[in-house]
Amino acid sequence: MFTNTSVTQTNMKYTYPNNFDRNRADDLHKLVDEAYNQLNQGTVWQPPTGYSIAATLSAKEFWKLPPGLSDIISHMLKPVPFGFVATKGAEVFVIIRGTKTPLEWMDDFTALPVSFKPSGKDWGKTTQGLNTLYANLGPQINSAISQLQAGGIRLTAIYISGHSLGAAIAHLAAAGIAAQFNVKPISYTFSGPRAGDEGFAAAFAAAGLVTWRMFNTEDIVPTVPPAAVQLSTPNMGMHGLTPMTQALSTFVQLGAVGYEHVGYPISATFHRATVADNHSMDDLIAEVNAQ
């Protein structure tokens, strides 16, 4: 999938494959920032200059409710903005924000594995929490793309981006778009967790989807849900989960499967004083572009 692995500009601090477009990454980072502005500014929010909004995305935050309670009171919750589908020229953009902080993200999250079947196609398993959110956002995304296609937009340049929780949903959205429209969207994601199990990652690779997964090596969010959930192993005298994974497992409900990242890793390293600062998308893109 990533055949051109020669490095980019020699004056940059990090070297990445030539077909990783830093300018594109920066533009998409600014669009994800706009999705956060959309949440914070409410009705006074204005679309970014040069882009036409095809659809605004919203979801009820009922995945935060205890099991069983969501069915009872979800109708009482108001939808909140989660991003948008936009166009600029012939290009289509699917933009999804994350939650406010890493701890809020983990509070929203349950890692129980469930089957993921976009357009009825088997894509392995994702998490219950992500699947619930995608069940809200996915139909909105695909409906907007259908309307754009009906209006004459050729689906040859679809870019998907998200930060944190939004990065994981971006992976599900890419799979959903590929399954429904038989196209290959390109993803640039920031600071995302693992979105699916080994089967999900295999389906993603088999579909030939290009995904640039940017993350800070010091960020806690990309380490969850765990890659392996086996509690003990005879290898190298390692028994039980690592202390960090043990601590994280108190925030999520682990199933019987581990999870696997997708796409090409674009890593950078910076250290800040807080968990939230290490998770910063603005600091991440600045470090990726560091001279």
Protein backbone atom coordinates (compact mmCIF):
# COMPACT_ATOMS: atom_id res chain seq x y z
CA MET A 1 0.00 0.00 0.00
CA PHE A 2 2.85 2.42 0.81
CA THR A 3 5.34 1.76 -1.97
CA ASN A 4 7.25 5.04 -1.99
CA THR A 5 9.30 5.01 1.20
CA SER A 6 12.05 7.50 0.32
CA VAL A 7 12.33 10.36 2.77
CA THR A 8 11.09 13.91 2.51
CA GLN A 9 12.82 17.26 2.98
CA THR A 10 16.31 17.00 4.42
CA ASN A 11 15.87 20.12 6.57
CA MET A 12 13.06 18.62 8.63
CA LYS A 13 13.61 17.20 12.10
CA TYR A 14 11.81 13.96 11.18
CA THR A 15 11.91 11.99 7.95
CA TYR A 16 8.71 10.44 6.61
CA PRO A 17 7.71 8.77 3.33
CA ASN A 18 7.48 11.08 0.32
CA ASN A 19 3.79 10.38 -0.18
CA PHE A 20 2.99 11.66 3.31
CA ASP A 21 1.90 15.22 2.58
CA ARG A 22 2.74 17.54 5.50
CA ASN A 23 0.83 20.40 3.92
CA ARG A 24 -2.25 18.21 3.61
CA ALA A 25 -1.82 17.10 7.23
CA ASP A 26 -1.63 20.72 8.36
CA ASP A 27 -4.74 21.68 6.39
CA LEU A 28 -6.69 18.78 7.88
CA HIS A 29 -5.47 19.66 11.37
CA LYS A 30 -6.95 23.13 10.87
CA LEU A 31 -10.25 21.59 9.76
CA VAL A 32 -10.40 19.40 12.87
CA ASP A 33 -9.74 22.53 14.93
CA GLU A 34 -12.80 23.98 13.19
CA ALA A 35 -14.84 20.97 14.34
CA TYR A 36 -13.90 21.85 17.92
CA ASN A 37 -14.85 25.48 17.20
CA GLN A 38 -18.16 24.22 15.85
CA LEU A 39 -18.84 22.61 19.24
CA ASN A 40 -17.63 25.57 21.31
CA GLN A 41 -19.23 28.38 19.29
CA GLY A 42 -22.62 26.82 18.64
CA THR A 43 -24.92 28.75 16.32
CA VAL A 44 -22.42 31.56 15.68
CA TRP A 45 -19.87 29.15 14.17
CA GLN A 46 -18.93 29.98 10.59
CA PRO A 47 -17.56 27.39 8.12
CA PRO A 48 -13.86 27.73 7.26
CA THR A 49 -13.12 30.09 4.40
CA GLY A 50 -13.06 28.40 1.00
CA TYR A 51 -15.06 25.34 2.05
CA SER A 52 -18.71 24.54 1.42
CA ILE A 53 -20.47 22.56 4.14
CA ALA A 54 -22.39 19.59 2.74
CA ALA A 55 -23.57 18.36 6.14
CA THR A 56 -23.02 18.98 9.82
CA LEU A 57 -22.55 15.87 11.93
CA SER A 58 -24.11 15.45 15.35
CA ALA A 59 -24.69 12.69 17.87
CA LYS A 60 -26.40 12.19 21.19
CA GLU A 61 -23.90 11.39 23.90
CA PHE A 62 -25.86 8.39 25.14
CA TRP A 63 -22.78 6.17 24.96
CA LYS A 64 -21.76 7.86 28.21
CA LEU A 65 -24.77 6.38 29.99
CA PRO A 66 -24.68 3.13 31.98
CA PRO A 67 -25.83 0.01 30.06
CA GLY A 68 -29.60 -0.26 29.97
CA LEU A 69 -30.15 3.37 30.87
CA SER A 70 -29.44 4.69 27.38
CA ASP A 71 -32.57 3.09 25.93
CA ILE A 72 -34.68 4.78 28.59
CA ILE A 73 -33.50 8.38 28.49
CA SER A 74 -31.54 8.79 25.24
CA HIS A 75 -34.53 10.62 23.73
CA MET A 76 -34.02 13.30 26.38
CA LEU A 77 -30.49 14.11 25.23
CA LYS A 78 -29.83 16.81 22.67
CA PRO A 79 -27.52 16.08 19.73
CA VAL A 80 -24.16 17.79 19.96
CA PRO A 81 -21.96 18.82 17.00
CA PHE A 82 -19.27 16.29 16.11
CA GLY A 83 -17.90 17.65 12.84
CA PHE A 84 -18.91 18.13 9.25
CA VAL A 85 -18.66 16.98 5.66
CA ALA A 86 -17.31 19.71 3.39
CA THR A 87 -16.12 20.26 -0.16
CA LYS A 88 -13.46 22.45 -1.68
CA GLY A 89 -13.41 22.25 -5.43
CA ALA A 90 -13.60 18.57 -6.36
CA GLU A 91 -12.31 17.40 -2.97
CA VAL A 92 -14.51 16.01 -0.20
CA PHE A 93 -13.59 16.26 3.49
CA VAL A 94 -15.02 14.28 6.40
CA ILE A 95 -13.96 15.91 9.67
CA ILE A 96 -14.63 14.53 13.15
CA ARG A 97 -13.65 16.07 16.46
CA GLY A 98 -12.66 14.20 19.59
CA THR A 99 -13.72 14.68 23.18
CA LYS A 100 -12.29 17.48 25.26
CA THR A 101 -9.62 15.63 27.24
CA PRO A 102 -7.97 12.18 27.24
CA LEU A 103 -9.65 11.30 30.54
CA GLU A 104 -13.04 12.33 29.15
CA TRP A 105 -12.33 10.13 26.15
CA MET A 106 -11.61 7.12 28.36
CA ASP A 107 -14.76 7.86 30.35
CA ASP A 108 -16.72 7.67 27.08
CA PHE A 109 -15.15 4.41 26.05
CA THR A 110 -15.94 0.72 26.42
CA ALA A 111 -13.62 -1.83 24.82
CA LEU A 112 -16.05 -4.74 24.64
CA PRO A 113 -15.63 -6.12 21.08
CA VAL A 114 -18.59 -6.14 18.71
CA SER A 115 -18.83 -7.04 15.03
CA PHE A 116 -18.39 -4.20 12.56
CA LYS A 117 -20.25 -4.72 9.29
CA PRO A 118 -20.40 -1.59 7.11
CA SER A 119 -22.90 -2.18 4.28
CA GLY A 120 -23.17 -5.75 5.51
CA LYS A 121 -19.49 -6.49 4.84
CA ASP A 122 -17.39 -8.17 7.51
CA TRP A 123 -14.70 -5.82 8.86
CA GLY A 124 -13.75 -7.70 11.98
CA LYS A 125 -14.56 -6.18 15.35
CA THR A 126 -14.51 -2.71 16.81
CA THR A 127 -15.40 -1.61 20.32
CA GLN A 128 -18.92 -1.25 21.63
CA GLY A 129 -18.36 2.43 22.42
CA LEU A 130 -17.00 3.30 18.98
CA ASN A 131 -19.66 1.23 17.23
CA THR A 132 -22.42 3.06 19.11
CA LEU A 133 -21.06 6.46 18.11
CA TYR A 134 -20.48 5.39 14.50
CA ALA A 135 -24.08 4.12 14.33
CA ASN A 136 -25.05 7.79 14.80
CA LEU A 137 -22.43 9.44 12.61
CA GLY A 138 -21.87 6.87 9.84
CA PRO A 139 -25.30 7.19 8.19
CA GLN A 140 -25.00 10.99 8.24
CA ILE A 141 -21.59 10.82 6.56
CA ASN A 142 -22.66 8.36 3.88
CA SER A 143 -25.89 10.26 3.20
CA ALA A 144 -23.93 13.48 2.65
CA ILE A 145 -21.54 11.73 0.28
CA SER A 146 -24.47 10.19 -1.62
CA GLN A 147 -25.98 13.63 -2.09
CA LEU A 148 -22.67 15.05 -3.29
CA GLN A 149 -22.33 12.19 -5.75
CA ALA A 150 -25.88 12.77 -7.00
CA GLY A 151 -24.99 16.44 -7.45
CA GLY A 152 -22.12 15.61 -9.76
CA ILE A 153 -19.13 15.35 -7.39
CA ARG A 154 -16.83 12.52 -8.47
CA LEU A 155 -15.66 10.62 -5.41
CA THR A 156 -12.01 10.52 -6.45
CA ALA A 157 -10.59 12.66 -3.65
CA ILE A 158 -12.12 12.00 -0.24
CA TYR A 159 -10.09 12.94 2.83
CA ILE A 160 -11.03 11.89 6.34
CA SER A 161 -9.54 13.31 9.52
CA GLY A 162 -10.17 13.27 13.22
CA HIS A 163 -8.45 13.75 16.56
CA SER A 164 -8.52 11.42 19.57
CA LEU A 165 -11.91 9.67 19.66
CA GLY A 166 -12.57 11.30 16.29
CA ALA A 167 -9.50 9.57 14.85
CA ALA A 168 -10.95 6.18 15.72
CA ILE A 169 -14.32 7.13 14.23
CA ALA A 170 -12.45 8.34 11.13
CA HIS A 171 -11.13 4.79 10.65
CA LEU A 172 -14.66 3.40 10.88
CA ALA A 173 -15.89 6.10 8.50
CA ALA A 174 -13.18 5.25 5.97
CA ALA A 175 -14.24 1.61 6.10
CA GLY A 176 -17.89 2.57 5.76
CA ILE A 177 -17.26 4.81 2.75
CA ALA A 178 -15.09 2.17 1.07
CA ALA A 179 -17.75 -0.50 1.63
CA GLN A 180 -20.70 1.57 0.40
CA PHE A 181 -19.18 3.54 -2.48
CA ASN A 182 -16.34 1.25 -3.61
CA VAL A 183 -13.82 4.11 -3.35
CA LYS A 184 -10.64 4.57 -1.35
CA PRO A 185 -10.70 7.59 0.94
CA ILE A 186 -7.40 8.83 2.35
CA SER A 187 -7.14 9.37 6.10
CA TYR A 188 -4.90 11.64 8.16
CA THR A 189 -5.62 11.07 11.84
CA PHE A 190 -4.25 12.61 15.02
CA SER A 191 -3.60 11.00 18.42
CA GLY A 192 -6.08 8.19 17.98
CA PRO A 193 -6.64 4.98 19.95
CA ARG A 194 -6.82 1.54 18.38
CA ALA A 195 -10.14 1.27 16.55
CA GLY A 196 -10.51 -2.45 15.93
CA ASP A 197 -9.18 -5.94 16.37
CA GLU A 198 -6.81 -7.93 14.16
CA GLY A 199 -9.66 -8.73 11.78
CA PHE A 200 -10.51 -5.05 11.41
CA ALA A 201 -6.87 -4.20 10.67
CA ALA A 202 -6.66 -7.03 8.11
CA ALA A 203 -9.82 -5.85 6.33
CA PHE A 204 -8.48 -2.30 6.31
CA ALA A 205 -5.22 -3.46 4.70
CA ALA A 206 -7.02 -5.71 2.20
CA ALA A 207 -9.13 -2.75 1.06
CA GLY A 208 -5.93 -0.83 0.24
CA LEU A 209 -6.92 2.23 2.24
CA VAL A 210 -4.18 4.83 2.71
CA THR A 211 -4.07 6.02 6.29
CA TRP A 212 -1.46 8.27 7.88
CA ARG A 213 -1.74 7.82 11.63
CA MET A 214 0.02 10.67 13.44
CA PHE A 215 0.76 10.41 17.15
CA ASN A 216 3.06 11.55 19.94
CA THR A 217 5.07 8.68 21.41
CA GLU A 218 4.49 10.17 24.88
CA ASP A 219 0.68 10.30 24.51
CA ILE A 220 -1.35 7.81 26.54
CA VAL A 221 -4.39 7.57 24.23
CA PRO A 222 -2.75 5.62 21.33
CA THR A 223 -1.84 2.88 23.84
CA VAL A 224 -5.49 1.90 24.40
CA PRO A 225 -7.42 -0.28 24.12
CA PRO A 226 -4.65 -2.80 24.79
CA ALA A 227 -3.00 -4.63 21.91
CA ALA A 228 -3.14 -7.82 23.98
CA VAL A 229 -5.44 -8.76 26.81
CA GLN A 230 -3.85 -12.02 27.92
CA LEU A 231 -3.20 -11.59 31.61
CA SER A 232 -0.09 -13.77 31.80
CA THR A 233 2.53 -15.16 29.47
CA PRO A 234 5.58 -17.38 29.92
CA ASN A 235 7.65 -15.21 27.59
CA MET A 236 10.46 -13.21 29.12
CA GLY A 237 9.11 -13.62 32.63
CA MET A 238 6.30 -11.11 32.01
CA HIS A 239 3.31 -11.99 34.14
CA GLY A 240 0.13 -9.96 33.99
CA LEU A 241 -0.48 -6.62 32.35
CA THR A 242 2.04 -3.84 32.65
CA PRO A 243 1.31 -1.39 35.49
CA MET A 244 0.23 1.27 32.98
CA THR A 245 -2.14 -1.11 31.19
CA GLN A 246 -3.49 -2.29 34.53
CA ALA A 247 -4.27 1.30 35.43
CA LEU A 248 -5.90 1.99 32.05
CA SER A 249 -7.97 -1.16 32.24
CA THR A 250 -9.87 0.36 35.16
CA PHE A 251 -11.29 2.93 32.72
CA VAL A 252 -12.43 0.45 30.06
CA GLN A 253 -14.20 -2.87 29.88
CA LEU A 254 -11.85 -5.37 28.28
CA GLY A 255 -13.09 -8.20 26.11
CA ALA A 256 -11.36 -11.40 25.05
CA VAL A 257 -9.57 -9.90 22.05
CA GLY A 258 -6.75 -7.43 21.62
CA TYR A 259 -6.80 -4.44 19.31
CA GLU A 260 -4.49 -3.35 16.49
CA HIS A 261 -3.59 -0.01 14.94
CA VAL A 262 -4.19 0.56 11.22
CA GLY A 263 -2.33 2.60 8.63
CA TYR A 264 1.18 3.97 8.44
CA PRO A 265 2.54 5.35 11.73
CA ILE A 266 3.77 8.93 11.62
CA SER A 267 5.37 9.36 15.01
CA ALA A 268 6.84 12.39 16.74
CA THR A 269 8.12 12.82 20.26
CA PHE A 270 7.48 15.69 22.64
CA HIS A 271 6.92 15.76 26.36
CA ARG A 272 4.70 18.17 28.25
CA ALA A 273 3.71 18.48 31.89
CA THR A 274 0.23 16.95 31.63
CA VAL A 275 -1.55 14.05 29.96
CA ALA A 276 -3.77 16.50 28.10
CA ASP A 277 -0.80 18.49 26.77
CA ASN A 278 0.90 15.33 25.49
CA HIS A 279 -2.37 14.65 23.65
CA SER A 280 -2.47 18.10 22.02
CA MET A 281 -3.17 18.02 18.29
CA ASP A 282 -1.68 21.50 17.79
CA ASP A 283 1.58 20.49 19.46
CA LEU A 284 1.63 17.24 17.49
CA ILE A 285 1.36 18.89 14.07
CA ALA A 286 3.96 21.47 15.12
CA GLU A 287 6.37 18.70 16.07
CA VAL A 288 5.70 16.74 12.88
CA ASN A 289 6.62 19.90 10.92
CA ALA A 290 9.59 20.81 13.11
CA GLN A 291 12.75 21.96 11.33
